[in-house]
Amino acid sequence: MQINESQENYLERILFLKKKKGYARSVDIANALGVTKPSVSYAMKQLRKGGYITMDDENFIHLTDEGEEIARVMVERHMTLANIFIQLGVDEDTAYEDACRIEHDISEQTFEALRKFACAHLPSTCEEK
């Protein structure tokens, strides 16, 4: 299954919710993304089919290893790009919104080049891993 931008956003939001609250439910995702519960239900069905999430008997959503890897890549891209934009003088809200748009479309090669450039010229954008 080919994953799309919307599905990447859902996986990323599930990871954020699990880190923040310790769990993720459909209602939490709907509230966080500003979408309807039926939209979330449809997306969760697609993500389950793709093997990116599981749901337990209490309707808590869990990322599979593959789903978590995609979510972590999206979070890394989002945070790195937003930090670069902020260091360049973009206001925080705009930086995070733009990073959210760009993170899905930028190639791995271009992202790595931006990250390396930023680390060399904007050291505060780099985190130790």
N, C-alpha and C. Protein backbone atom coordinates (compact mmCIF):
# COMPACT_ATOMS: atom_id res chain seq x y z
N MET A 1 0.84 -1.19 0.00
CA MET A 1 0.00 0.00 0.00
C MET A 1 0.88 1.24 0.00
N GLN A 2 0.58 2.13 -0.92
CA GLN A 2 1.29 3.41 -0.98
C GLN A 2 0.67 4.35 0.04
N ILE A 3 1.49 4.94 0.89
CA ILE A 3 0.97 5.85 1.92
C ILE A 3 0.93 7.26 1.35
N ASN A 4 -0.12 8.00 1.70
CA ASN A 4 -0.25 9.36 1.18
C ASN A 4 -0.04 10.39 2.30
N GLU A 5 -0.07 11.66 1.93
CA GLU A 5 0.19 12.74 2.87
C GLU A 5 -0.77 12.73 4.05
N SER A 6 -2.04 12.52 3.77
CA SER A 6 -3.04 12.50 4.83
C SER A 6 -2.74 11.38 5.83
N GLN A 7 -2.39 10.22 5.33
CA GLN A 7 -2.08 9.09 6.21
C GLN A 7 -0.82 9.36 7.02
N GLU A 8 0.16 10.01 6.41
CA GLU A 8 1.37 10.39 7.15
C GLU A 8 1.00 11.33 8.29
N ASN A 9 0.10 12.28 8.02
CA ASN A 9 -0.34 13.21 9.07
C ASN A 9 -1.03 12.48 10.21
N TYR A 10 -1.86 11.50 9.88
CA TYR A 10 -2.52 10.72 10.92
C TYR A 10 -1.50 9.96 11.77
N LEU A 11 -0.54 9.32 11.12
CA LEU A 11 0.48 8.57 11.87
C LEU A 11 1.29 9.50 12.77
N GLU A 12 1.65 10.65 12.24
CA GLU A 12 2.41 11.63 13.01
C GLU A 12 1.59 12.09 14.23
N ARG A 13 0.31 12.35 14.03
CA ARG A 13 -0.55 12.80 15.13
C ARG A 13 -0.72 11.71 16.18
N ILE A 14 -0.85 10.46 15.75
CA ILE A 14 -0.95 9.35 16.71
C ILE A 14 0.30 9.31 17.58
N LEU A 15 1.47 9.45 16.97
CA LEU A 15 2.72 9.45 17.73
C LEU A 15 2.76 10.61 18.72
N PHE A 16 2.38 11.81 18.30
CA PHE A 16 2.34 12.97 19.20
C PHE A 16 1.40 12.72 20.38
N LEU A 17 0.21 12.20 20.08
CA LEU A 17 -0.76 11.94 21.15
C LEU A 17 -0.25 10.90 22.14
N LYS A 18 0.37 9.86 21.62
CA LYS A 18 0.89 8.82 22.52
C LYS A 18 1.98 9.38 23.42
N LYS A 19 2.81 10.27 22.88
CA LYS A 19 3.86 10.88 23.70
C LYS A 19 3.26 11.85 24.72
N LYS A 20 2.24 12.59 24.31
CA LYS A 20 1.66 13.61 25.19
C LYS A 20 0.73 13.00 26.24
N LYS A 21 -0.16 12.12 25.81
CA LYS A 21 -1.20 11.60 26.70
C LYS A 21 -0.97 10.16 27.14
N GLY A 22 -0.08 9.46 26.42
CA GLY A 22 0.13 8.05 26.72
C GLY A 22 -0.77 7.13 25.92
N TYR A 23 -1.68 7.70 25.16
CA TYR A 23 -2.60 6.91 24.34
C TYR A 23 -3.14 7.77 23.20
N ALA A 24 -3.76 7.10 22.24
CA ALA A 24 -4.43 7.80 21.14
C ALA A 24 -5.74 7.09 20.85
N ARG A 25 -6.80 7.88 20.75
CA ARG A 25 -8.12 7.37 20.37
C ARG A 25 -8.60 8.19 19.18
N SER A 26 -9.58 7.67 18.47
CA SER A 26 -10.10 8.37 17.29
C SER A 26 -10.59 9.77 17.63
N VAL A 27 -11.27 9.91 18.75
CA VAL A 27 -11.80 11.23 19.13
C VAL A 27 -10.66 12.22 19.38
N ASP A 28 -9.56 11.75 19.95
CA ASP A 28 -8.40 12.62 20.19
C ASP A 28 -7.79 13.07 18.86
N ILE A 29 -7.72 12.15 17.93
CA ILE A 29 -7.15 12.47 16.61
C ILE A 29 -8.05 13.47 15.89
N ALA A 30 -9.35 13.24 15.93
CA ALA A 30 -10.29 14.16 15.29
C ALA A 30 -10.15 15.56 15.86
N ASN A 31 -10.09 15.67 17.18
CA ASN A 31 -9.94 16.98 17.82
C ASN A 31 -8.61 17.63 17.46
N ALA A 32 -7.54 16.86 17.47
CA ALA A 32 -6.21 17.41 17.19
C ALA A 32 -6.07 17.88 15.75
N LEU A 33 -6.68 17.17 14.83
CA LEU A 33 -6.54 17.52 13.41
C LEU A 33 -7.69 18.38 12.89
N GLY A 34 -8.72 18.56 13.70
CA GLY A 34 -9.85 19.36 13.27
C GLY A 34 -10.66 18.71 12.15
N VAL A 35 -10.80 17.39 12.24
CA VAL A 35 -11.57 16.64 11.24
C VAL A 35 -12.71 15.89 11.94
N THR A 36 -13.60 15.33 11.17
CA THR A 36 -14.74 14.62 11.75
C THR A 36 -14.34 13.21 12.18
N LYS A 37 -15.11 12.66 13.12
CA LYS A 37 -14.86 11.28 13.55
C LYS A 37 -15.04 10.28 12.41
N PRO A 38 -16.03 10.46 11.51
CA PRO A 38 -16.12 9.54 10.37
C PRO A 38 -14.87 9.58 9.47
N SER A 39 -14.27 10.77 9.32
CA SER A 39 -13.03 10.87 8.54
C SER A 39 -11.91 10.09 9.20
N VAL A 40 -11.83 10.20 10.52
CA VAL A 40 -10.80 9.46 11.26
C VAL A 40 -11.07 7.97 11.15
N SER A 41 -12.32 7.56 11.28
CA SER A 41 -12.66 6.14 11.18
C SER A 41 -12.24 5.56 9.84
N TYR A 42 -12.51 6.29 8.78
CA TYR A 42 -12.10 5.84 7.45
C TYR A 42 -10.58 5.73 7.35
N ALA A 43 -9.89 6.76 7.83
CA ALA A 43 -8.42 6.76 7.78
C ALA A 43 -7.84 5.61 8.60
N MET A 44 -8.41 5.36 9.78
CA MET A 44 -7.90 4.28 10.62
C MET A 44 -8.12 2.92 9.95
N LYS A 45 -9.23 2.77 9.26
CA LYS A 45 -9.48 1.53 8.53
C LYS A 45 -8.41 1.32 7.46
N GLN A 46 -8.09 2.37 6.73
CA GLN A 46 -7.06 2.29 5.70
C GLN A 46 -5.68 2.00 6.30
N LEU A 47 -5.38 2.64 7.42
CA LEU A 47 -4.08 2.41 8.07
C LEU A 47 -3.98 1.01 8.65
N ARG A 48 -5.10 0.47 9.15
CA ARG A 48 -5.11 -0.93 9.63
C ARG A 48 -4.86 -1.88 8.47
N LYS A 49 -5.54 -1.64 7.36
CA LYS A 49 -5.37 -2.48 6.16
C LYS A 49 -3.92 -2.47 5.70
N GLY A 50 -3.29 -1.32 5.79
CA GLY A 50 -1.91 -1.19 5.35
C GLY A 50 -0.90 -1.74 6.33
N GLY A 51 -1.36 -2.10 7.53
CA GLY A 51 -0.45 -2.64 8.53
C GLY A 51 0.32 -1.58 9.31
N TYR A 52 -0.20 -0.34 9.35
CA TYR A 52 0.49 0.74 10.03
C TYR A 52 0.01 0.95 11.47
N ILE A 53 -1.22 0.49 11.77
CA ILE A 53 -1.75 0.63 13.12
C ILE A 53 -2.51 -0.64 13.51
N THR A 54 -2.74 -0.77 14.80
CA THR A 54 -3.66 -1.76 15.33
C THR A 54 -4.57 -1.04 16.31
N MET A 55 -5.71 -1.65 16.60
CA MET A 55 -6.62 -1.09 17.60
C MET A 55 -6.94 -2.21 18.58
N ASP A 56 -6.93 -1.88 19.86
CA ASP A 56 -7.23 -2.90 20.85
C ASP A 56 -8.72 -2.92 21.17
N ASP A 57 -9.12 -3.77 22.09
CA ASP A 57 -10.54 -3.95 22.43
C ASP A 57 -11.17 -2.68 23.02
N GLU A 58 -10.34 -1.80 23.55
CA GLU A 58 -10.85 -0.55 24.13
C GLU A 58 -10.76 0.62 23.14
N ASN A 59 -10.46 0.30 21.87
CA ASN A 59 -10.36 1.29 20.79
C ASN A 59 -9.18 2.25 20.92
N PHE A 60 -8.15 1.84 21.65
CA PHE A 60 -6.92 2.61 21.66
C PHE A 60 -6.13 2.23 20.42
N ILE A 61 -5.51 3.22 19.82
CA ILE A 61 -4.79 3.03 18.57
C ILE A 61 -3.30 2.89 18.87
N HIS A 62 -2.68 1.89 18.25
CA HIS A 62 -1.26 1.61 18.44
C HIS A 62 -0.57 1.58 17.08
N LEU A 63 0.59 2.19 17.01
CA LEU A 63 1.39 2.15 15.80
C LEU A 63 2.11 0.81 15.71
N THR A 64 2.14 0.23 14.53
CA THR A 64 3.00 -0.93 14.31
C THR A 64 4.42 -0.41 14.13
N ASP A 65 5.39 -1.29 14.05
CA ASP A 65 6.78 -0.84 13.84
C ASP A 65 6.89 -0.01 12.57
N GLU A 66 6.23 -0.46 11.50
CA GLU A 66 6.29 0.28 10.24
C GLU A 66 5.59 1.64 10.36
N GLY A 67 4.44 1.67 11.03
CA GLY A 67 3.73 2.93 11.24
C GLY A 67 4.53 3.90 12.08
N GLU A 68 5.17 3.38 13.12
CA GLU A 68 5.98 4.24 13.99
C GLU A 68 7.19 4.80 13.25
N GLU A 69 7.80 4.00 12.38
CA GLU A 69 8.95 4.48 11.62
C GLU A 69 8.54 5.64 10.71
N ILE A 70 7.42 5.50 10.03
CA ILE A 70 6.93 6.59 9.17
C ILE A 70 6.64 7.83 10.00
N ALA A 71 5.97 7.65 11.13
CA ALA A 71 5.64 8.78 12.01
C ALA A 71 6.90 9.47 12.50
N ARG A 72 7.91 8.71 12.89
CA ARG A 72 9.16 9.30 13.38
C ARG A 72 9.87 10.11 12.29
N VAL A 73 9.86 9.59 11.07
CA VAL A 73 10.47 10.32 9.95
C VAL A 73 9.73 11.64 9.73
N MET A 74 8.41 11.60 9.77
CA MET A 74 7.62 12.82 9.58
C MET A 74 7.88 13.83 10.70
N VAL A 75 7.94 13.35 11.93
CA VAL A 75 8.22 14.25 13.06
C VAL A 75 9.60 14.88 12.91
N GLU A 76 10.59 14.07 12.55
CA GLU A 76 11.94 14.60 12.38
C GLU A 76 11.97 15.66 11.28
N ARG A 77 11.36 15.37 10.16
CA ARG A 77 11.31 16.34 9.07
C ARG A 77 10.59 17.62 9.52
N HIS A 78 9.44 17.44 10.15
CA HIS A 78 8.63 18.58 10.60
C HIS A 78 9.44 19.49 11.53
N MET A 79 10.03 18.89 12.55
CA MET A 79 10.76 19.67 13.54
C MET A 79 12.02 20.31 12.94
N THR A 80 12.74 19.58 12.13
CA THR A 80 13.96 20.11 11.52
C THR A 80 13.63 21.29 10.62
N LEU A 81 12.66 21.10 9.73
CA LEU A 81 12.30 22.18 8.82
C LEU A 81 11.77 23.39 9.58
N ALA A 82 10.90 23.18 10.56
CA ALA A 82 10.36 24.30 11.34
C ALA A 82 11.49 25.05 12.03
N ASN A 83 12.43 24.33 12.63
CA ASN A 83 13.56 24.99 13.31
C ASN A 83 14.41 25.80 12.34
N ILE A 84 14.62 25.28 11.15
CA ILE A 84 15.38 26.03 10.14
C ILE A 84 14.64 27.32 9.81
N PHE A 85 13.34 27.21 9.55
CA PHE A 85 12.55 28.39 9.18
C PHE A 85 12.55 29.43 10.30
N ILE A 86 12.43 28.98 11.53
CA ILE A 86 12.43 29.90 12.68
C ILE A 86 13.77 30.62 12.76
N GLN A 87 14.87 29.88 12.58
CA GLN A 87 16.20 30.50 12.62
C GLN A 87 16.39 31.49 11.49
N LEU A 88 15.65 31.30 10.40
CA LEU A 88 15.73 32.23 9.27
C LEU A 88 14.84 33.45 9.47
N GLY A 89 14.09 33.48 10.58
CA GLY A 89 13.28 34.65 10.89
C GLY A 89 11.79 34.50 10.64
N VAL A 90 11.35 33.30 10.26
CA VAL A 90 9.92 33.07 10.05
C VAL A 90 9.26 32.92 11.41
N ASP A 91 8.06 33.52 11.58
CA ASP A 91 7.39 33.38 12.87
C ASP A 91 7.03 31.91 13.11
N GLU A 92 6.93 31.54 14.37
CA GLU A 92 6.79 30.14 14.76
C GLU A 92 5.57 29.46 14.14
N ASP A 93 4.41 30.11 14.19
CA ASP A 93 3.20 29.50 13.63
C ASP A 93 3.35 29.21 12.14
N THR A 94 3.85 30.19 11.41
CA THR A 94 4.05 30.01 9.97
C THR A 94 5.10 28.93 9.70
N ALA A 95 6.16 28.93 10.49
CA ALA A 95 7.23 27.93 10.31
C ALA A 95 6.68 26.51 10.45
N TYR A 96 5.86 26.27 11.48
CA TYR A 96 5.31 24.93 11.69
C TYR A 96 4.30 24.56 10.61
N GLU A 97 3.49 25.53 10.18
CA GLU A 97 2.52 25.27 9.11
C GLU A 97 3.23 24.94 7.81
N ASP A 98 4.24 25.73 7.46
CA ASP A 98 4.99 25.48 6.22
C ASP A 98 5.74 24.17 6.28
N ALA A 99 6.33 23.87 7.43
CA ALA A 99 7.05 22.61 7.58
C ALA A 99 6.11 21.42 7.37
N CYS A 100 4.88 21.55 7.86
CA CYS A 100 3.89 20.47 7.71
C CYS A 100 3.58 20.23 6.23
N ARG A 101 3.54 21.28 5.45
CA ARG A 101 3.27 21.12 4.02
C ARG A 101 4.47 20.51 3.29
N ILE A 102 5.64 21.00 3.61
CA ILE A 102 6.85 20.62 2.88
C ILE A 102 7.33 19.22 3.24
N GLU A 103 7.16 18.81 4.49
CA GLU A 103 7.74 17.55 4.96
C GLU A 103 7.32 16.35 4.13
N HIS A 104 6.17 16.43 3.50
CA HIS A 104 5.64 15.29 2.74
C HIS A 104 6.17 15.23 1.31
N ASP A 105 6.57 16.36 0.78
CA ASP A 105 6.92 16.43 -0.64
C ASP A 105 8.41 16.49 -0.93
N ILE A 106 9.19 16.86 0.07
CA ILE A 106 10.62 17.02 -0.15
C ILE A 106 11.31 15.65 -0.24
N SER A 107 12.25 15.54 -1.16
CA SER A 107 12.97 14.27 -1.31
C SER A 107 13.92 14.06 -0.13
N GLU A 108 14.28 12.84 0.09
CA GLU A 108 15.24 12.52 1.17
C GLU A 108 16.57 13.22 0.90
N GLN A 109 16.99 13.24 -0.34
CA GLN A 109 18.26 13.88 -0.70
C GLN A 109 18.24 15.37 -0.37
N THR A 110 17.18 16.06 -0.75
CA THR A 110 17.09 17.49 -0.48
C THR A 110 16.96 17.77 1.01
N PHE A 111 16.17 16.96 1.71
CA PHE A 111 16.02 17.13 3.15
C PHE A 111 17.37 16.98 3.84
N GLU A 112 18.12 15.94 3.50
CA GLU A 112 19.44 15.73 4.12
C GLU A 112 20.40 16.87 3.81
N ALA A 113 20.34 17.38 2.58
CA ALA A 113 21.20 18.52 2.22
C ALA A 113 20.84 19.76 3.04
N LEU A 114 19.54 20.02 3.20
CA LEU A 114 19.09 21.15 4.03
C LEU A 114 19.53 20.98 5.48
N ARG A 115 19.36 19.76 5.99
CA ARG A 115 19.71 19.48 7.38
C ARG A 115 21.21 19.70 7.59
N LYS A 116 22.04 19.19 6.68
CA LYS A 116 23.49 19.36 6.81
C LYS A 116 23.89 20.83 6.69
N PHE A 117 23.28 21.54 5.76
CA PHE A 117 23.56 22.96 5.60
C PHE A 117 23.19 23.72 6.87
N ALA A 118 22.02 23.43 7.39
CA ALA A 118 21.56 24.10 8.61
C ALA A 118 22.47 23.80 9.79
N CYS A 119 22.91 22.57 9.91
CA CYS A 119 23.81 22.21 11.02
C CYS A 119 25.13 22.96 10.92
N ALA A 120 25.59 23.18 9.71
CA ALA A 120 26.86 23.89 9.51
C ALA A 120 26.72 25.39 9.69
N HIS A 121 25.57 25.95 9.32
CA HIS A 121 25.41 27.40 9.30
C HIS A 121 24.44 27.93 10.35
N LEU A 122 23.59 27.07 10.86
CA LEU A 122 22.62 27.45 11.89
C LEU A 122 22.66 26.38 12.98
N PRO A 123 23.77 26.29 13.72
CA PRO A 123 23.96 25.18 14.66
C PRO A 123 22.80 24.98 15.65
N SER A 124 22.07 26.02 15.97
CA SER A 124 20.98 25.85 16.93
C SER A 124 19.83 25.05 16.37
N THR A 125 19.85 24.77 15.06
CA THR A 125 18.79 23.95 14.47
C THR A 125 19.07 22.46 14.61
N CYS A 126 20.26 22.12 15.05
CA CYS A 126 20.66 20.71 15.11
C CYS A 126 20.53 20.18 16.54
N GLU A 127 20.03 18.97 16.62
CA GLU A 127 19.93 18.28 17.91
C GLU A 127 20.93 17.13 17.89
N GLU A 128 21.49 16.88 19.03
CA GLU A 128 22.33 15.70 19.16
C GLU A 128 21.46 14.46 19.19
N LYS A 129 21.86 13.45 18.44
CA LYS A 129 21.10 12.19 18.43
C LYS A 129 21.77 11.16 19.27
